[in-house]
Amino acid sequence: MSTMTTSSSSPSSPAMDVFWENVRTILYALALAMAIRFTIAQPFRIPSGSMQPTLEVGDYIVVTKWSFGYGRFSFAPLEGLLPHGRLFGRGPERGEVVVFRPASEPERDFIKRVIGMPGDRIQMVDGRLILNGAAVERESLGPVDFEDEDGYVEHIQAYRETLPNGVSYTTFDRNPRGDLDQTRLYVVPEGHYFMMGDDRDNSDDSRRSVGYVPYDNLVGPAQFAVASFDSTTSLLRPWTLFTGFRSERFLKPVE
């Protein structure tokens, strides 16, 4: 007579049940966070002053992913696994502040203002923006005091610039005789955009290494600053999260 052996598992302990329930909760939360990041909105920190005074160093902004549809860079860092093209796509409007990946540095996120649309002719002459042969409307705001990321107060010439579609914003002109204020004529290729920073002499944009930005490389438009911290803030000194918080920029729209 043969004997049959059977195995039985002992009931799991309450402690193990709690452990695995916590693991499942964490995994669900991570999956939800990734789904939101890839399809709805993503936060970005502003690390440089190229978009001053619209965006300041230390701003944390929210970029919506659906606004321009979904391309490869909507799902960074997984873009290498995805094809070119966009799903549910639309182009940006002139004057929008957008996050993108330049063709010259596709591994880095940049944020600038859309100045030129496909087919536009753009040039800087004596610090004036010339768009399709006409100078863009510009009003002098005079020298303004601006505190930079290191707490140093600068006296900078500011202007109110208004694009042909009515989008208006403030620009800084630190050096009206600088090389970025006297440029060649740029003709924006089809399917590309011309980007510029609002701090005109302090921006690596389409006038420099960024070049023309392909439509496929757009990530999304900046909507608002969810928080902002000055240069005194440090996680090693938790109280500075309160003393260095810029309350005036909390939920400030990006315009």
Protein backbone atom coordinates (compact mmCIF):
# COMPACT_ATOMS: atom_id res chain seq x y z
CA MET A 1 0.00 0.00 0.00
CA SER A 2 1.37 3.36 -0.96
CA THR A 3 0.99 6.31 1.23
CA MET A 4 0.13 9.81 0.02
CA THR A 5 1.78 12.75 1.61
CA THR A 6 0.05 16.09 1.69
CA SER A 7 1.37 19.49 2.59
CA SER A 8 -0.56 22.16 4.35
CA SER A 9 0.25 25.81 4.89
CA SER A 10 -0.11 27.29 8.26
CA PRO A 11 -2.31 30.37 8.57
CA SER A 12 -0.42 33.60 8.08
CA SER A 13 0.15 35.70 11.11
CA PRO A 14 -1.74 38.97 11.64
CA ALA A 15 1.58 40.84 11.48
CA MET A 16 2.34 39.44 8.01
CA ASP A 17 -1.17 40.29 6.83
CA VAL A 18 -0.66 43.89 7.91
CA PHE A 19 2.78 43.98 6.24
CA TRP A 20 1.50 42.78 2.85
CA GLU A 21 -1.51 45.09 3.06
CA ASN A 22 0.87 48.02 3.55
CA VAL A 23 2.99 46.85 0.61
CA ARG A 24 -0.09 46.70 -1.63
CA THR A 25 -1.19 50.17 -0.51
CA ILE A 26 2.25 51.61 -1.31
CA LEU A 27 2.32 49.94 -4.73
CA TYR A 28 -1.17 51.23 -5.56
CA ALA A 29 -0.14 54.73 -4.49
CA LEU A 30 3.03 54.59 -6.63
CA ALA A 31 1.07 53.34 -9.62
CA LEU A 32 -1.47 56.15 -9.23
CA ALA A 33 1.29 58.75 -8.87
CA MET A 34 3.02 57.52 -12.03
CA ALA A 35 -0.27 57.50 -13.95
CA ILE A 36 -0.94 61.11 -12.91
CA ARG A 37 2.63 62.14 -13.78
CA PHE A 38 2.50 60.60 -17.25
CA THR A 39 -1.05 61.56 -18.26
CA ILE A 40 -2.33 64.52 -16.22
CA ALA A 41 0.25 66.81 -14.63
CA GLN A 42 3.89 66.90 -13.55
CA PRO A 43 5.73 69.23 -11.15
CA PHE A 44 9.00 70.90 -12.15
CA ARG A 45 11.44 73.03 -10.18
CA ILE A 46 12.86 76.18 -11.79
CA PRO A 47 16.67 75.94 -11.40
CA SER A 48 17.80 79.07 -13.30
CA GLY A 49 16.80 82.66 -13.92
CA SER A 50 16.21 82.59 -17.68
CA MET A 51 12.46 83.20 -17.28
CA GLN A 52 12.68 85.99 -14.69
CA PRO A 53 10.58 87.81 -13.65
CA THR A 54 7.75 85.50 -14.83
CA LEU A 55 9.36 82.52 -13.08
CA GLU A 56 11.87 82.79 -10.26
CA VAL A 57 14.58 80.37 -9.18
CA GLY A 58 13.02 78.07 -6.58
CA ASP A 59 9.52 78.09 -8.08
CA TYR A 60 7.78 74.72 -8.25
CA ILE A 61 5.42 74.74 -11.20
CA VAL A 62 2.74 72.38 -12.51
CA VAL A 63 2.76 71.41 -16.19
CA THR A 64 -0.33 69.78 -17.71
CA LYS A 65 0.41 66.80 -19.93
CA TRP A 66 -2.82 66.60 -21.94
CA SER A 67 -2.70 70.18 -23.27
CA PHE A 68 -0.52 69.38 -26.31
CA GLY A 69 -1.46 65.73 -26.48
CA TYR A 70 0.93 62.90 -25.70
CA GLY A 71 4.34 62.46 -27.30
CA ARG A 72 7.45 60.48 -26.41
CA PHE A 73 8.68 63.07 -23.93
CA SER A 74 5.36 63.11 -22.11
CA PHE A 75 6.49 59.76 -20.69
CA ALA A 76 10.14 60.57 -19.90
CA PRO A 77 12.30 58.75 -18.90
CA LEU A 78 10.63 56.05 -21.03
CA GLU A 79 10.82 58.07 -24.26
CA GLY A 80 13.34 55.68 -25.81
CA LEU A 81 10.71 52.93 -25.84
CA LEU A 82 8.07 54.98 -27.65
CA PRO A 83 7.56 56.00 -31.31
CA HIS A 84 7.66 59.52 -32.71
CA GLY A 85 4.45 61.50 -33.17
CA ARG A 86 1.72 62.74 -30.84
CA LEU A 87 -1.63 61.38 -29.73
CA PHE A 88 -4.53 63.88 -29.36
CA GLY A 89 -2.02 66.60 -30.25
CA ARG A 90 -2.39 70.33 -30.69
CA GLY A 91 0.27 72.97 -31.10
CA PRO A 92 1.08 75.65 -28.52
CA GLU A 93 -0.15 79.19 -28.90
CA ARG A 94 2.20 82.11 -29.34
CA GLY A 95 3.22 83.45 -25.94
CA GLU A 96 2.62 80.25 -23.94
CA VAL A 97 5.29 79.24 -21.42
CA VAL A 98 6.14 75.61 -22.12
CA VAL A 99 8.42 72.80 -20.96
CA PHE A 100 10.23 70.95 -23.74
CA ARG A 101 13.28 68.84 -24.59
CA PRO A 102 15.60 70.57 -27.11
CA ALA A 103 16.87 68.47 -30.00
CA SER A 104 20.43 69.31 -28.96
CA GLU A 105 19.92 68.04 -25.39
CA PRO A 106 16.96 65.62 -25.41
CA GLU A 107 17.79 64.38 -21.91
CA ARG A 108 17.16 67.79 -20.26
CA ASP A 109 13.97 69.73 -19.56
CA PHE A 110 13.91 73.41 -20.58
CA ILE A 111 11.22 76.03 -20.01
CA LYS A 112 10.80 79.09 -22.26
CA ARG A 113 8.15 81.20 -23.93
CA VAL A 114 6.91 80.36 -27.43
CA ILE A 115 7.76 83.39 -29.56
CA GLY A 116 7.91 81.99 -33.07
CA MET A 117 5.45 79.70 -34.85
CA PRO A 118 6.23 77.58 -37.93
CA GLY A 119 7.08 79.84 -40.87
CA ASP A 120 7.73 82.97 -38.75
CA ARG A 121 10.71 85.25 -39.39
CA ILE A 122 12.34 86.44 -36.16
CA GLN A 123 15.21 88.77 -35.39
CA MET A 124 16.52 90.87 -32.49
CA VAL A 125 17.63 94.39 -33.48
CA ASP A 126 18.94 96.77 -30.80
CA GLY A 127 17.13 94.72 -28.17
CA ARG A 128 13.79 94.89 -30.01
CA LEU A 129 11.97 91.75 -31.05
CA ILE A 130 11.17 91.88 -34.77
CA LEU A 131 8.44 89.42 -35.80
CA ASN A 132 7.69 88.96 -39.50
CA GLY A 133 9.20 92.32 -40.33
CA ALA A 134 7.41 94.36 -37.65
CA ALA A 135 8.68 95.40 -34.22
CA VAL A 136 6.67 93.80 -31.42
CA GLU A 137 4.90 96.34 -29.22
CA ARG A 138 7.04 97.22 -26.20
CA GLU A 139 6.48 99.63 -23.30
CA SER A 140 9.33 100.69 -21.03
CA LEU A 141 8.73 100.07 -17.32
CA GLY A 142 11.99 101.80 -16.42
CA PRO A 143 14.70 100.33 -14.18
CA VAL A 144 13.20 97.99 -11.59
CA ASP A 145 14.68 96.45 -8.44
CA PHE A 146 14.75 92.66 -8.63
CA GLU A 147 16.10 90.33 -5.95
CA ASP A 148 17.95 87.40 -7.53
CA GLU A 149 18.27 83.86 -6.18
CA ASP A 150 21.22 84.84 -3.97
CA GLY A 151 19.34 87.70 -2.34
CA TYR A 152 21.23 90.36 -4.30
CA VAL A 153 19.06 93.27 -5.47
CA GLU A 154 19.67 94.14 -9.12
CA HIS A 155 18.58 97.26 -11.00
CA ILE A 156 17.34 95.98 -14.35
CA GLN A 157 15.68 97.69 -17.29
CA ALA A 158 12.22 96.14 -17.70
CA TYR A 159 9.73 96.26 -20.56
CA ARG A 160 6.14 95.20 -21.09
CA GLU A 161 6.08 93.28 -24.35
CA THR A 162 2.84 92.44 -26.17
CA LEU A 163 2.70 89.89 -28.97
CA PRO A 164 0.35 90.29 -31.96
CA ASN A 165 -2.19 87.89 -30.42
CA GLY A 166 -2.44 90.06 -27.27
CA VAL A 167 -0.28 87.96 -24.90
CA SER A 168 1.60 90.40 -22.66
CA TYR A 169 4.46 89.81 -20.21
CA THR A 170 7.47 91.53 -18.61
CA THR A 171 10.98 91.13 -20.00
CA PHE A 172 14.38 92.13 -18.63
CA ASP A 173 17.09 93.72 -20.78
CA ARG A 174 20.40 93.67 -18.93
CA ASN A 175 22.65 94.65 -21.83
CA PRO A 176 20.98 96.32 -24.84
CA ARG A 177 24.24 96.01 -26.83
CA GLY A 178 24.79 92.33 -26.08
CA ASP A 179 25.11 89.64 -28.72
CA LEU A 180 21.61 88.33 -27.95
CA ASP A 181 20.14 91.76 -28.77
CA GLN A 182 21.65 91.79 -32.28
CA THR A 183 20.95 88.55 -34.09
CA ARG A 184 20.65 87.15 -37.57
CA LEU A 185 17.27 86.54 -39.14
CA TYR A 186 15.71 83.22 -38.07
CA VAL A 187 13.10 81.46 -40.20
CA VAL A 188 11.22 78.85 -38.17
CA PRO A 189 10.92 75.53 -40.03
CA GLU A 190 7.62 73.72 -40.40
CA GLY A 191 6.82 71.59 -37.37
CA HIS A 192 9.12 73.63 -35.11
CA TYR A 193 8.91 76.54 -32.65
CA PHE A 194 11.17 79.41 -31.63
CA MET A 195 11.63 79.79 -27.85
CA MET A 196 12.94 82.73 -25.84
CA GLY A 197 13.46 83.46 -22.16
CA ASP A 198 11.89 86.54 -20.59
CA ASP A 199 15.27 87.48 -19.05
CA ARG A 200 16.53 88.17 -22.54
CA ASP A 201 20.29 88.47 -21.87
CA ASN A 202 20.29 85.59 -19.40
CA SER A 203 18.77 82.79 -21.45
CA ASP A 204 20.07 79.88 -23.50
CA ASP A 205 17.19 79.66 -25.95
CA SER A 206 16.54 79.39 -29.69
CA ARG A 207 19.03 82.19 -30.28
CA ARG A 208 21.75 79.93 -28.88
CA SER A 209 22.21 76.17 -28.47
CA VAL A 210 18.52 75.32 -28.02
CA GLY A 211 17.76 76.03 -31.66
CA TYR A 212 14.35 75.38 -33.18
CA VAL A 213 12.23 73.05 -31.02
CA PRO A 214 10.40 70.18 -32.79
CA TYR A 215 6.71 69.74 -32.06
CA ASP A 216 7.38 66.17 -30.89
CA ASN A 217 9.71 67.49 -28.16
CA LEU A 218 7.06 69.53 -26.32
CA VAL A 219 6.11 68.29 -22.85
CA GLY A 220 3.35 70.73 -21.85
CA PRO A 221 2.47 74.29 -20.81
CA ALA A 222 3.24 75.69 -17.37
CA GLN A 223 0.00 76.49 -15.54
CA PHE A 224 0.84 77.84 -12.07
CA ALA A 225 3.49 77.89 -9.34
CA VAL A 226 2.38 75.50 -6.63
CA ALA A 227 5.09 76.73 -4.23
CA SER A 228 8.27 78.80 -4.17
CA PHE A 229 11.31 78.88 -1.88
CA ASP A 230 14.19 81.35 -1.78
CA SER A 231 17.91 80.52 -1.59
CA THR A 232 17.91 80.37 2.23
CA THR A 233 15.81 77.19 2.21
CA SER A 234 17.50 73.89 3.09
CA LEU A 235 16.08 70.49 3.97
CA LEU A 236 18.90 70.17 6.50
CA ARG A 237 17.33 73.12 8.33
CA PRO A 238 13.61 72.28 8.27
CA TRP A 239 12.50 75.61 9.76
CA THR A 240 13.70 77.36 6.57
CA LEU A 241 10.85 75.68 4.70
CA PHE A 242 8.71 78.28 6.48
CA THR A 243 11.09 81.25 6.64
CA GLY A 244 12.14 80.81 2.98
CA PHE A 245 8.65 80.23 1.62
CA ARG A 246 7.49 82.91 -0.84
CA SER A 247 3.84 83.19 0.07
CA GLU A 248 3.16 85.76 -2.66
CA ARG A 249 3.93 83.15 -5.31
CA PHE A 250 1.72 80.40 -3.89
CA LEU A 251 -0.63 79.18 -6.66
CA LYS A 252 0.43 82.10 -8.87
CA PRO A 253 -0.62 81.53 -12.51
CA VAL A 254 2.13 81.45 -15.14
CA GLU A 255 1.32 84.14 -17.71
